[in-house]
Amino acid sequence: MMTNTPSNFQLDALKEIVNIGVGKAAASLNEMLEAHIELEVPAITLFELEDLDEDLHGFTGSDISCVRLDFHGSFTGTAALVFPPQSAAKLVAALTGESPGGPSLNAVMAGTLNEVGNIVINGVIGTIGNILAKPFDFSLPNYIEGSLEELLKLGGQSAGLTVLLIRTTFRVQERQIEGNIFMIFELGSFDALFRTIKDLYAPG
């Protein structure tokens, strides 16, 4: 559980850092995948993982497409980039030129989303590590499908885990495609993150 609730100042500082990371991720995607992609971070929220159903307001219960990777270092946890099925299909179709309902779309789904997830998650978490001078090591991205509850509860070990939910909006080729970045911090890492932000950004 959280031992200290972060202040609005700390959350605003983190949102600024994440926006920088998302901007870098968008630039990389535009260059590497040759598609016009805009990303933004409209909101960051916090909740305990056991309160997942209550806090996500209808996002749970359906199958989703997810790219997940672990990070280790001064802060340790898991990050996931998740999409509802329709958004995942639209994004892959926009990036590959495949027909949204075509039979070959599934063949390129995992590889394309793995690449997108790797770029976006590394862009965001890497920027956090660089700005806070707390570098991370990353695992390889893993593409999986299932319910959000199954993908985020990490084998049922949800007690005491705090989720930092970064809701990211993707806009691809003038079609709004929505995805979410979830950052799950292990106990202790969450407080360490906000202590570092406070020390770095504290006035005076």
N, C-alpha and C. Protein backbone atom coordinates (compact mmCIF):
# COMPACT_ATOMS: atom_id res chain seq x y z
N MET A 1 0.83 -1.20 0.00
CA MET A 1 0.00 0.00 0.00
C MET A 1 0.87 1.25 0.00
N MET A 2 0.32 2.36 -0.45
CA MET A 2 1.05 3.62 -0.42
C MET A 2 1.26 4.05 1.02
N THR A 3 2.50 4.42 1.36
CA THR A 3 2.76 4.94 2.70
C THR A 3 2.54 6.45 2.74
N ASN A 4 2.70 7.11 1.61
CA ASN A 4 2.45 8.55 1.53
C ASN A 4 1.74 8.84 0.21
N THR A 5 0.69 9.63 0.29
CA THR A 5 -0.01 10.03 -0.93
C THR A 5 0.77 11.15 -1.59
N PRO A 6 1.10 11.03 -2.87
CA PRO A 6 1.85 12.10 -3.54
C PRO A 6 1.03 13.37 -3.62
N SER A 7 1.74 14.50 -3.55
CA SER A 7 1.08 15.80 -3.62
C SER A 7 0.73 16.12 -5.06
N ASN A 8 -0.12 17.12 -5.24
CA ASN A 8 -0.45 17.58 -6.59
C ASN A 8 0.80 18.05 -7.31
N PHE A 9 1.72 18.66 -6.56
CA PHE A 9 2.97 19.13 -7.15
C PHE A 9 3.78 17.96 -7.70
N GLN A 10 3.86 16.87 -6.95
CA GLN A 10 4.60 15.70 -7.41
C GLN A 10 3.92 15.07 -8.63
N LEU A 11 2.60 14.98 -8.60
CA LEU A 11 1.88 14.41 -9.74
C LEU A 11 2.05 15.27 -10.99
N ASP A 12 2.00 16.59 -10.82
CA ASP A 12 2.18 17.49 -11.96
C ASP A 12 3.59 17.34 -12.54
N ALA A 13 4.59 17.20 -11.65
CA ALA A 13 5.97 17.02 -12.12
C ALA A 13 6.10 15.72 -12.89
N LEU A 14 5.47 14.65 -12.38
CA LEU A 14 5.53 13.37 -13.08
C LEU A 14 4.82 13.45 -14.42
N LYS A 15 3.69 14.12 -14.46
CA LYS A 15 2.97 14.27 -15.73
C LYS A 15 3.82 15.01 -16.76
N GLU A 16 4.56 16.02 -16.30
CA GLU A 16 5.44 16.76 -17.21
C GLU A 16 6.53 15.84 -17.76
N ILE A 17 7.12 15.01 -16.89
CA ILE A 17 8.16 14.08 -17.32
C ILE A 17 7.58 13.07 -18.32
N VAL A 18 6.41 12.53 -18.00
CA VAL A 18 5.78 11.54 -18.87
C VAL A 18 5.44 12.15 -20.22
N ASN A 19 4.97 13.37 -20.24
CA ASN A 19 4.67 14.04 -21.50
C ASN A 19 5.90 14.15 -22.38
N ILE A 20 7.06 14.42 -21.77
CA ILE A 20 8.30 14.46 -22.53
C ILE A 20 8.59 13.09 -23.15
N GLY A 21 8.42 12.04 -22.33
CA GLY A 21 8.66 10.69 -22.82
C GLY A 21 7.72 10.29 -23.93
N VAL A 22 6.45 10.64 -23.79
CA VAL A 22 5.46 10.32 -24.82
C VAL A 22 5.76 11.08 -26.10
N GLY A 23 6.21 12.30 -25.98
CA GLY A 23 6.59 13.07 -27.16
C GLY A 23 7.75 12.43 -27.91
N LYS A 24 8.73 11.92 -27.16
CA LYS A 24 9.85 11.21 -27.79
C LYS A 24 9.37 9.93 -28.47
N ALA A 25 8.45 9.24 -27.80
CA ALA A 25 7.92 8.00 -28.38
C ALA A 25 7.18 8.30 -29.68
N ALA A 26 6.40 9.37 -29.70
CA ALA A 26 5.66 9.73 -30.91
C ALA A 26 6.61 10.05 -32.05
N ALA A 27 7.69 10.78 -31.75
CA ALA A 27 8.66 11.11 -32.80
C ALA A 27 9.31 9.85 -33.35
N SER A 28 9.64 8.90 -32.48
CA SER A 28 10.26 7.65 -32.92
C SER A 28 9.30 6.84 -33.79
N LEU A 29 8.04 6.78 -33.38
CA LEU A 29 7.05 6.03 -34.16
C LEU A 29 6.84 6.66 -35.52
N ASN A 30 6.77 7.98 -35.56
CA ASN A 30 6.59 8.65 -36.84
C ASN A 30 7.73 8.32 -37.81
N GLU A 31 8.95 8.26 -37.27
CA GLU A 31 10.12 8.01 -38.11
C GLU A 31 10.25 6.55 -38.49
N MET A 32 10.08 5.64 -37.51
CA MET A 32 10.35 4.23 -37.75
C MET A 32 9.22 3.53 -38.51
N LEU A 33 7.98 3.90 -38.23
CA LEU A 33 6.85 3.21 -38.83
C LEU A 33 6.22 3.98 -39.98
N GLU A 34 6.75 5.17 -40.28
CA GLU A 34 6.28 5.98 -41.41
C GLU A 34 4.78 6.19 -41.36
N ALA A 35 4.29 6.52 -40.20
CA ALA A 35 2.87 6.84 -40.03
C ALA A 35 2.77 8.10 -39.19
N HIS A 36 1.78 8.91 -39.48
CA HIS A 36 1.59 10.13 -38.70
C HIS A 36 0.88 9.77 -37.40
N ILE A 37 1.60 9.87 -36.30
CA ILE A 37 1.07 9.46 -35.01
C ILE A 37 1.24 10.58 -34.01
N GLU A 38 0.19 10.88 -33.31
CA GLU A 38 0.24 11.84 -32.22
C GLU A 38 -0.15 11.13 -30.93
N LEU A 39 0.58 11.40 -29.87
CA LEU A 39 0.27 10.83 -28.58
C LEU A 39 0.23 11.94 -27.56
N GLU A 40 -0.63 11.79 -26.60
CA GLU A 40 -0.67 12.76 -25.50
C GLU A 40 -1.10 12.05 -24.22
N VAL A 41 -0.81 12.67 -23.11
CA VAL A 41 -1.16 12.10 -21.82
C VAL A 41 -2.15 13.03 -21.13
N PRO A 42 -3.44 12.75 -21.25
CA PRO A 42 -4.42 13.66 -20.65
C PRO A 42 -4.57 13.52 -19.15
N ALA A 43 -4.23 12.37 -18.58
CA ALA A 43 -4.49 12.19 -17.15
C ALA A 43 -3.61 11.11 -16.55
N ILE A 44 -3.24 11.31 -15.29
CA ILE A 44 -2.53 10.30 -14.51
C ILE A 44 -3.31 10.09 -13.22
N THR A 45 -3.63 8.84 -12.90
CA THR A 45 -4.36 8.53 -11.68
C THR A 45 -3.66 7.40 -10.93
N LEU A 46 -3.97 7.28 -9.67
CA LEU A 46 -3.36 6.29 -8.78
C LEU A 46 -4.44 5.48 -8.09
N PHE A 47 -4.21 4.18 -7.94
CA PHE A 47 -5.12 3.37 -7.15
C PHE A 47 -4.44 2.08 -6.73
N GLU A 48 -5.00 1.43 -5.73
CA GLU A 48 -4.50 0.13 -5.31
C GLU A 48 -4.99 -0.93 -6.28
N LEU A 49 -4.13 -1.91 -6.60
CA LEU A 49 -4.47 -2.88 -7.63
C LEU A 49 -5.69 -3.72 -7.26
N GLU A 50 -5.91 -3.95 -5.97
CA GLU A 50 -7.09 -4.73 -5.59
C GLU A 50 -8.39 -3.96 -5.84
N ASP A 51 -8.28 -2.65 -6.09
CA ASP A 51 -9.45 -1.82 -6.40
C ASP A 51 -9.60 -1.62 -7.90
N LEU A 52 -9.03 -2.53 -8.68
CA LEU A 52 -9.00 -2.37 -10.14
C LEU A 52 -10.39 -2.16 -10.73
N ASP A 53 -11.34 -3.03 -10.38
CA ASP A 53 -12.68 -2.95 -10.97
C ASP A 53 -13.33 -1.61 -10.68
N GLU A 54 -13.18 -1.14 -9.47
CA GLU A 54 -13.83 0.11 -9.05
C GLU A 54 -13.24 1.32 -9.76
N ASP A 55 -11.92 1.31 -9.96
CA ASP A 55 -11.25 2.51 -10.45
C ASP A 55 -11.23 2.63 -11.97
N LEU A 56 -11.41 1.52 -12.69
CA LEU A 56 -11.30 1.61 -14.14
C LEU A 56 -12.63 1.85 -14.83
N HIS A 57 -13.72 1.83 -14.08
CA HIS A 57 -15.01 2.29 -14.60
C HIS A 57 -15.37 1.65 -15.94
N GLY A 58 -15.52 0.33 -15.95
CA GLY A 58 -16.00 -0.34 -17.14
C GLY A 58 -14.93 -0.82 -18.09
N PHE A 59 -13.65 -0.53 -17.80
CA PHE A 59 -12.59 -0.98 -18.68
C PHE A 59 -12.32 -2.48 -18.49
N THR A 60 -12.72 -3.02 -17.36
CA THR A 60 -12.44 -4.42 -17.06
C THR A 60 -13.51 -5.33 -17.66
N GLY A 61 -13.20 -6.63 -17.68
CA GLY A 61 -14.19 -7.62 -18.07
C GLY A 61 -14.11 -8.07 -19.51
N SER A 62 -13.42 -7.34 -20.38
CA SER A 62 -13.33 -7.73 -21.78
C SER A 62 -11.88 -8.05 -22.12
N ASP A 63 -11.71 -8.82 -23.17
CA ASP A 63 -10.36 -9.14 -23.61
C ASP A 63 -9.69 -7.90 -24.18
N ILE A 64 -8.40 -7.79 -23.92
CA ILE A 64 -7.63 -6.66 -24.43
C ILE A 64 -6.35 -7.19 -25.06
N SER A 65 -5.71 -6.34 -25.83
CA SER A 65 -4.39 -6.62 -26.37
C SER A 65 -3.37 -5.85 -25.54
N CYS A 66 -2.31 -6.52 -25.15
CA CYS A 66 -1.39 -5.94 -24.18
C CYS A 66 0.05 -6.26 -24.56
N VAL A 67 0.91 -5.27 -24.45
CA VAL A 67 2.36 -5.46 -24.52
C VAL A 67 2.91 -5.11 -23.14
N ARG A 68 3.58 -6.06 -22.53
CA ARG A 68 4.03 -5.87 -21.15
C ARG A 68 5.53 -6.15 -21.06
N LEU A 69 6.22 -5.35 -20.25
CA LEU A 69 7.62 -5.63 -19.96
C LEU A 69 7.92 -5.21 -18.53
N ASP A 70 8.93 -5.84 -17.96
CA ASP A 70 9.36 -5.53 -16.61
C ASP A 70 10.52 -4.54 -16.65
N PHE A 71 10.64 -3.73 -15.60
CA PHE A 71 11.80 -2.85 -15.48
C PHE A 71 12.39 -3.01 -14.08
N HIS A 72 13.70 -2.85 -14.01
CA HIS A 72 14.42 -3.05 -12.76
C HIS A 72 15.44 -1.93 -12.60
N GLY A 73 15.77 -1.63 -11.37
CA GLY A 73 16.74 -0.58 -11.08
C GLY A 73 16.39 0.08 -9.76
N SER A 74 16.54 1.41 -9.72
CA SER A 74 16.16 2.14 -8.51
C SER A 74 14.68 1.99 -8.22
N PHE A 75 13.88 1.86 -9.27
CA PHE A 75 12.46 1.56 -9.15
C PHE A 75 12.21 0.26 -9.92
N THR A 76 11.39 -0.60 -9.36
CA THR A 76 11.15 -1.91 -9.95
C THR A 76 9.66 -2.13 -10.11
N GLY A 77 9.28 -2.69 -11.25
CA GLY A 77 7.87 -2.97 -11.47
C GLY A 77 7.62 -3.47 -12.87
N THR A 78 6.40 -3.28 -13.33
CA THR A 78 5.96 -3.75 -14.64
C THR A 78 5.24 -2.61 -15.35
N ALA A 79 5.45 -2.51 -16.63
CA ALA A 79 4.72 -1.54 -17.45
C ALA A 79 3.99 -2.28 -18.55
N ALA A 80 2.80 -1.83 -18.86
CA ALA A 80 2.00 -2.47 -19.89
C ALA A 80 1.33 -1.41 -20.75
N LEU A 81 1.31 -1.66 -22.04
CA LEU A 81 0.57 -0.84 -22.99
C LEU A 81 -0.61 -1.67 -23.45
N VAL A 82 -1.82 -1.20 -23.18
CA VAL A 82 -3.00 -2.01 -23.44
C VAL A 82 -3.98 -1.28 -24.36
N PHE A 83 -4.67 -2.06 -25.18
CA PHE A 83 -5.66 -1.54 -26.11
C PHE A 83 -6.91 -2.41 -26.07
N PRO A 84 -8.09 -1.83 -26.15
CA PRO A 84 -9.27 -2.63 -26.48
C PRO A 84 -9.08 -3.23 -27.86
N PRO A 85 -9.72 -4.36 -28.17
CA PRO A 85 -9.48 -5.05 -29.44
C PRO A 85 -9.65 -4.18 -30.68
N GLN A 86 -10.68 -3.35 -30.71
CA GLN A 86 -10.91 -2.53 -31.90
C GLN A 86 -9.79 -1.51 -32.09
N SER A 87 -9.32 -0.93 -31.00
CA SER A 87 -8.24 0.03 -31.11
C SER A 87 -6.95 -0.63 -31.57
N ALA A 88 -6.69 -1.85 -31.06
CA ALA A 88 -5.48 -2.57 -31.47
C ALA A 88 -5.53 -2.86 -32.96
N ALA A 89 -6.68 -3.30 -33.46
CA ALA A 89 -6.80 -3.62 -34.87
C ALA A 89 -6.64 -2.37 -35.73
N LYS A 90 -7.23 -1.26 -35.31
CA LYS A 90 -7.12 -0.01 -36.06
C LYS A 90 -5.67 0.47 -36.10
N LEU A 91 -4.99 0.37 -34.97
CA LEU A 91 -3.61 0.82 -34.91
C LEU A 91 -2.71 -0.01 -35.83
N VAL A 92 -2.84 -1.34 -35.75
CA VAL A 92 -2.01 -2.22 -36.58
C VAL A 92 -2.33 -2.00 -38.05
N ALA A 93 -3.60 -1.86 -38.39
CA ALA A 93 -3.99 -1.63 -39.78
C ALA A 93 -3.41 -0.31 -40.30
N ALA A 94 -3.44 0.72 -39.45
CA ALA A 94 -2.93 2.02 -39.85
C ALA A 94 -1.42 1.98 -40.07
N LEU A 95 -0.72 1.18 -39.28
CA LEU A 95 0.74 1.14 -39.36
C LEU A 95 1.25 0.19 -40.43
N THR A 96 0.46 -0.82 -40.79
CA THR A 96 0.93 -1.84 -41.72
C THR A 96 0.29 -1.76 -43.10
N GLY A 97 -0.84 -1.06 -43.20
CA GLY A 97 -1.57 -1.01 -44.46
C GLY A 97 -2.48 -2.20 -44.68
N GLU A 98 -2.53 -3.11 -43.72
CA GLU A 98 -3.43 -4.26 -43.84
C GLU A 98 -4.88 -3.80 -43.66
N SER A 99 -5.81 -4.55 -44.23
CA SER A 99 -7.22 -4.25 -44.06
C SER A 99 -7.64 -4.56 -42.62
N PRO A 100 -8.40 -3.66 -41.97
CA PRO A 100 -8.81 -3.91 -40.58
C PRO A 100 -9.52 -5.24 -40.38
N GLY A 101 -10.25 -5.70 -41.39
CA GLY A 101 -10.95 -6.97 -41.26
C GLY A 101 -10.31 -8.10 -42.05
N GLY A 102 -9.11 -7.85 -42.56
CA GLY A 102 -8.46 -8.83 -43.42
C GLY A 102 -7.87 -10.00 -42.66
N PRO A 103 -7.71 -11.14 -43.34
CA PRO A 103 -7.20 -12.35 -42.67
C PRO A 103 -5.74 -12.26 -42.27
N SER A 104 -4.98 -11.37 -42.90
CA SER A 104 -3.55 -11.29 -42.59
C SER A 104 -3.25 -10.35 -41.43
N LEU A 105 -4.28 -9.67 -40.92
CA LEU A 105 -4.03 -8.71 -39.85
C LEU A 105 -3.51 -9.40 -38.59
N ASN A 106 -4.13 -10.54 -38.24
CA ASN A 106 -3.70 -11.24 -37.03
C ASN A 106 -2.25 -11.70 -37.11
N ALA A 107 -1.78 -11.98 -38.32
CA ALA A 107 -0.42 -12.47 -38.50
C ALA A 107 0.61 -11.42 -38.13
N VAL A 108 0.25 -10.14 -38.29
CA VAL A 108 1.20 -9.07 -38.00
C VAL A 108 0.86 -8.34 -36.70
N MET A 109 -0.22 -8.76 -36.04
CA MET A 109 -0.68 -8.07 -34.83
C MET A 109 0.38 -8.07 -33.73
N ALA A 110 0.86 -9.26 -33.36
CA ALA A 110 1.78 -9.37 -32.23
C ALA A 110 3.08 -8.62 -32.50
N GLY A 111 3.65 -8.82 -33.68
CA GLY A 111 4.92 -8.17 -33.99
C GLY A 111 4.81 -6.66 -34.02
N THR A 112 3.74 -6.15 -34.62
CA THR A 112 3.57 -4.70 -34.72
C THR A 112 3.33 -4.08 -33.35
N LEU A 113 2.44 -4.67 -32.57
CA LEU A 113 2.17 -4.11 -31.25
C LEU A 113 3.36 -4.25 -30.31
N ASN A 114 4.13 -5.32 -30.45
CA ASN A 114 5.36 -5.45 -29.66
C ASN A 114 6.31 -4.29 -29.96
N GLU A 115 6.44 -3.96 -31.24
CA GLU A 115 7.32 -2.85 -31.61
C GLU A 115 6.80 -1.54 -31.07
N VAL A 116 5.50 -1.31 -31.23
CA VAL A 116 4.90 -0.08 -30.72
C VAL A 116 5.06 -0.01 -29.19
N GLY A 117 4.73 -1.11 -28.50
CA GLY A 117 4.83 -1.12 -27.05
C GLY A 117 6.24 -0.91 -26.57
N ASN A 118 7.19 -1.52 -27.24
CA ASN A 118 8.59 -1.36 -26.85
C ASN A 118 9.03 0.09 -26.97
N ILE A 119 8.66 0.74 -28.07
CA ILE A 119 9.04 2.13 -28.29
C ILE A 119 8.37 3.05 -27.26
N VAL A 120 7.06 2.86 -27.07
CA VAL A 120 6.32 3.77 -26.19
C VAL A 120 6.73 3.58 -24.73
N ILE A 121 6.78 2.32 -24.26
CA ILE A 121 7.11 2.09 -22.86
C ILE A 121 8.54 2.50 -22.56
N ASN A 122 9.48 2.14 -23.44
CA ASN A 122 10.85 2.55 -23.23
C ASN A 122 11.00 4.06 -23.29
N GLY A 123 10.22 4.70 -24.19
CA GLY A 123 10.28 6.16 -24.27
C GLY A 123 9.83 6.82 -22.99
N VAL A 124 8.75 6.32 -22.42
CA VAL A 124 8.20 6.92 -21.20
C VAL A 124 9.07 6.59 -19.99
N ILE A 125 9.33 5.31 -19.74
CA ILE A 125 10.08 4.93 -18.55
C ILE A 125 11.54 5.35 -18.69
N GLY A 126 12.09 5.26 -19.90
CA GLY A 126 13.47 5.70 -20.10
C GLY A 126 13.63 7.18 -19.81
N THR A 127 12.64 7.98 -20.21
CA THR A 127 12.69 9.41 -19.92
C THR A 127 12.61 9.67 -18.42
N ILE A 128 11.73 8.94 -17.73
CA ILE A 128 11.66 9.08 -16.27
C ILE A 128 13.02 8.78 -15.65
N GLY A 129 13.64 7.68 -16.10
CA GLY A 129 14.95 7.32 -15.56
C GLY A 129 16.02 8.35 -15.85
N ASN A 130 16.03 8.89 -17.09
CA ASN A 130 17.05 9.87 -17.46
C ASN A 130 16.89 11.18 -16.70
N ILE A 131 15.67 11.69 -16.62
CA ILE A 131 15.46 12.97 -15.96
C ILE A 131 15.73 12.87 -14.46
N LEU A 132 15.33 11.75 -13.86
CA LEU A 132 15.54 11.57 -12.43
C LEU A 132 16.91 10.97 -12.11
N ALA A 133 17.72 10.72 -13.14
CA ALA A 133 19.04 10.11 -12.97
C ALA A 133 18.94 8.77 -12.24
N LYS A 134 17.91 8.00 -12.60
CA LYS A 134 17.68 6.67 -12.03
C LYS A 134 17.44 5.69 -13.19
N PRO A 135 18.50 5.22 -13.83
CA PRO A 135 18.33 4.38 -15.02
C PRO A 135 17.69 3.04 -14.71
N PHE A 136 17.04 2.47 -15.73
CA PHE A 136 16.35 1.19 -15.62
C PHE A 136 16.98 0.18 -16.56
N ASP A 137 16.83 -1.09 -16.21
CA ASP A 137 17.04 -2.18 -17.14
C ASP A 137 15.66 -2.72 -17.51
N PHE A 138 15.53 -3.18 -18.77
CA PHE A 138 14.23 -3.62 -19.27
C PHE A 138 14.29 -5.08 -19.70
N SER A 139 13.18 -5.78 -19.51
CA SER A 139 13.02 -7.09 -20.12
C SER A 139 12.56 -6.91 -21.56
N LEU A 140 12.52 -8.00 -22.32
CA LEU A 140 11.96 -7.93 -23.66
C LEU A 140 10.44 -7.79 -23.59
N PRO A 141 9.83 -7.08 -24.52
CA PRO A 141 8.37 -6.94 -24.50
C PRO A 141 7.68 -8.26 -24.78
N ASN A 142 6.52 -8.44 -24.20
CA ASN A 142 5.75 -9.68 -24.35
C ASN A 142 4.32 -9.33 -24.73
N TYR A 143 3.86 -9.79 -25.89
CA TYR A 143 2.50 -9.52 -26.33
C TYR A 143 1.57 -10.62 -25.84
N ILE A 144 0.49 -10.24 -25.18
CA ILE A 144 -0.47 -11.19 -24.64
C ILE A 144 -1.88 -10.62 -24.81
N GLU A 145 -2.86 -11.53 -24.79
CA GLU A 145 -4.26 -11.14 -24.87
C GLU A 145 -5.01 -11.78 -23.70
N GLY A 146 -6.03 -11.09 -23.21
CA GLY A 146 -6.82 -11.61 -22.10
C GLY A 146 -7.55 -10.48 -21.41
N SER A 147 -8.09 -10.76 -20.23
CA SER A 147 -8.77 -9.71 -19.48
C SER A 147 -7.74 -8.84 -18.78
N LEU A 148 -8.10 -7.60 -18.57
CA LEU A 148 -7.19 -6.66 -17.92
C LEU A 148 -6.85 -7.13 -16.51
N GLU A 149 -7.84 -7.71 -15.83
CA GLU A 149 -7.59 -8.19 -14.47
C GLU A 149 -6.51 -9.26 -14.48
N GLU A 150 -6.59 -10.20 -15.41
CA GLU A 150 -5.60 -11.28 -15.47
C GLU A 150 -4.22 -10.74 -15.83
N LEU A 151 -4.16 -9.77 -16.72
CA LEU A 151 -2.88 -9.29 -17.20
C LEU A 151 -2.15 -8.43 -16.18
N LEU A 152 -2.89 -7.75 -15.33
CA LEU A 152 -2.26 -6.81 -14.41
C LEU A 152 -2.10 -7.34 -12.99
N LYS A 153 -2.78 -8.40 -12.65
CA LYS A 153 -2.68 -8.86 -11.26
C LYS A 153 -1.50 -9.79 -11.00
N LEU A 154 -0.72 -10.06 -12.04
CA LEU A 154 0.58 -10.70 -11.87
C LEU A 154 0.49 -11.97 -11.05
N GLY A 155 -0.34 -12.91 -11.52
CA GLY A 155 -0.44 -14.19 -10.84
C GLY A 155 -1.18 -14.14 -9.53
N GLY A 156 -2.03 -13.16 -9.36
CA GLY A 156 -2.84 -13.07 -8.15
C GLY A 156 -2.18 -12.31 -7.02
N GLN A 157 -0.94 -11.85 -7.22
CA GLN A 157 -0.23 -11.15 -6.16
C GLN A 157 -0.53 -9.66 -6.24
N SER A 158 -1.78 -9.30 -6.00
CA SER A 158 -2.17 -7.91 -6.19
C SER A 158 -2.19 -7.12 -4.89
N ALA A 159 -2.18 -7.78 -3.75
CA ALA A 159 -2.31 -7.08 -2.48
C ALA A 159 -1.12 -6.14 -2.28
N GLY A 160 -1.43 -4.90 -1.96
CA GLY A 160 -0.39 -3.94 -1.62
C GLY A 160 0.28 -3.28 -2.80
N LEU A 161 -0.07 -3.64 -4.03
CA LEU A 161 0.55 -3.03 -5.19
C LEU A 161 -0.22 -1.77 -5.58
N THR A 162 0.54 -0.72 -5.85
CA THR A 162 -0.05 0.53 -6.29
C THR A 162 0.13 0.67 -7.79
N VAL A 163 -0.94 1.04 -8.48
CA VAL A 163 -0.90 1.24 -9.91
C VAL A 163 -0.85 2.73 -10.21
N LEU A 164 0.11 3.10 -11.01
CA LEU A 164 0.16 4.44 -11.58
C LEU A 164 -0.42 4.32 -12.98
N LEU A 165 -1.62 4.79 -13.18
CA LEU A 165 -2.30 4.66 -14.46
C LEU A 165 -2.11 5.92 -15.29
N ILE A 166 -1.44 5.75 -16.42
CA ILE A 166 -1.24 6.85 -17.35
C ILE A 166 -2.13 6.59 -18.54
N ARG A 167 -3.19 7.34 -18.68
CA ARG A 167 -4.11 7.17 -19.79
C ARG A 167 -3.57 7.95 -21.00
N THR A 168 -3.18 7.21 -22.01
CA THR A 168 -2.56 7.80 -23.19
C THR A 168 -3.52 7.72 -24.37
N THR A 169 -3.72 8.82 -25.07
CA THR A 169 -4.55 8.84 -26.26
C THR A 169 -3.67 8.82 -27.50
N PHE A 170 -3.92 7.84 -28.36
CA PHE A 170 -3.22 7.75 -29.64
C PHE A 170 -4.13 8.32 -30.73
N ARG A 171 -3.57 9.12 -31.60
CA ARG A 171 -4.29 9.57 -32.79
C ARG A 171 -3.46 9.19 -34.00
N VAL A 172 -4.01 8.33 -34.83
CA VAL A 172 -3.29 7.80 -35.98
C VAL A 172 -4.10 8.11 -37.24
N GLN A 173 -3.47 8.83 -38.18
CA GLN A 173 -4.07 9.12 -39.48
C GLN A 173 -5.51 9.62 -39.33
N GLU A 174 -5.65 10.59 -38.48
CA GLU A 174 -6.92 11.29 -38.26
C GLU A 174 -8.01 10.41 -37.67
N ARG A 175 -7.64 9.22 -37.18
CA ARG A 175 -8.61 8.36 -36.49
C ARG A 175 -8.15 8.20 -35.05
N GLN A 176 -9.02 8.50 -34.14
CA GLN A 176 -8.63 8.40 -32.74
C GLN A 176 -8.57 6.93 -32.32
N ILE A 177 -7.41 6.52 -31.88
CA ILE A 177 -7.20 5.17 -31.38
C ILE A 177 -6.71 5.29 -29.95
N GLU A 178 -7.46 4.71 -29.02
CA GLU A 178 -7.14 4.89 -27.61
C GLU A 178 -6.38 3.71 -27.05
N GLY A 179 -5.36 4.00 -26.27
CA GLY A 179 -4.62 2.99 -25.54
C GLY A 179 -4.27 3.52 -24.17
N ASN A 180 -3.85 2.65 -23.30
CA ASN A 180 -3.48 3.04 -21.94
C ASN A 180 -2.13 2.45 -21.58
N ILE A 181 -1.33 3.24 -20.88
CA ILE A 181 -0.09 2.74 -20.31
C ILE A 181 -0.33 2.52 -18.82
N PHE A 182 -0.05 1.32 -18.35
CA PHE A 182 -0.12 1.01 -16.93
C PHE A 182 1.30 0.82 -16.40
N MET A 183 1.62 1.48 -15.32
CA MET A 183 2.89 1.27 -14.64
C MET A 183 2.60 0.74 -13.25
N ILE A 184 3.09 -0.45 -12.97
CA ILE A 184 2.84 -1.09 -11.68
C ILE A 184 4.15 -1.13 -10.90
N PHE A 185 4.19 -0.46 -9.78
CA PHE A 185 5.41 -0.38 -8.99
C PHE A 185 5.34 -1.34 -7.81
N GLU A 186 6.44 -2.05 -7.60
CA GLU A 186 6.52 -2.91 -6.43
C GLU A 186 6.58 -2.06 -5.16
N LEU A 187 6.20 -2.69 -4.07
CA LEU A 187 6.15 -1.98 -2.79
C LEU A 187 7.50 -1.35 -2.48
N GLY A 188 7.51 -0.07 -2.17
CA GLY A 188 8.74 0.64 -1.89
C GLY A 188 9.20 1.46 -3.08
N SER A 189 9.10 0.90 -4.28
CA SER A 189 9.53 1.63 -5.46
C SER A 189 8.65 2.84 -5.73
N PHE A 190 7.35 2.69 -5.44
CA PHE A 190 6.42 3.79 -5.67
C PHE A 190 6.79 5.01 -4.84
N ASP A 191 7.00 4.79 -3.54
CA ASP A 191 7.36 5.90 -2.66
C ASP A 191 8.72 6.48 -3.04
N ALA A 192 9.65 5.59 -3.45
CA ALA A 192 10.97 6.07 -3.85
C ALA A 192 10.88 6.98 -5.07
N LEU A 193 10.00 6.65 -6.01
CA LEU A 193 9.82 7.47 -7.20
C LEU A 193 9.40 8.89 -6.82
N PHE A 194 8.40 8.99 -5.96
CA PHE A 194 7.90 10.33 -5.62
C PHE A 194 8.83 11.07 -4.66
N ARG A 195 9.61 10.35 -3.87
CA ARG A 195 10.63 11.02 -3.06
C ARG A 195 11.69 11.65 -3.96
N THR A 196 12.08 10.92 -5.00
CA THR A 196 13.07 11.46 -5.93
C THR A 196 12.53 12.69 -6.65
N ILE A 197 11.28 12.62 -7.08
CA ILE A 197 10.66 13.78 -7.73
C ILE A 197 10.63 14.97 -6.78
N LYS A 198 10.26 14.72 -5.53
CA LYS A 198 10.20 15.82 -4.55
C LYS A 198 11.57 16.43 -4.34
N ASP A 199 12.60 15.60 -4.23
CA ASP A 199 13.95 16.12 -4.00
C ASP A 199 14.43 16.92 -5.21
N LEU A 200 14.09 16.46 -6.40
CA LEU A 200 14.58 17.11 -7.61
C LEU A 200 13.84 18.40 -7.91
N TYR A 201 12.54 18.41 -7.65
CA TYR A 201 11.70 19.54 -8.07
C TYR A 201 11.29 20.46 -6.93
N ALA A 202 11.69 20.14 -5.69
CA ALA A 202 11.24 20.95 -4.56
C ALA A 202 11.69 22.39 -4.73
N PRO A 203 10.79 23.36 -4.51
CA PRO A 203 11.15 24.77 -4.63
C PRO A 203 12.26 25.13 -3.65
N GLY A 204 13.14 25.99 -4.09
CA GLY A 204 14.20 26.47 -3.22
C GLY A 204 15.34 25.52 -3.07
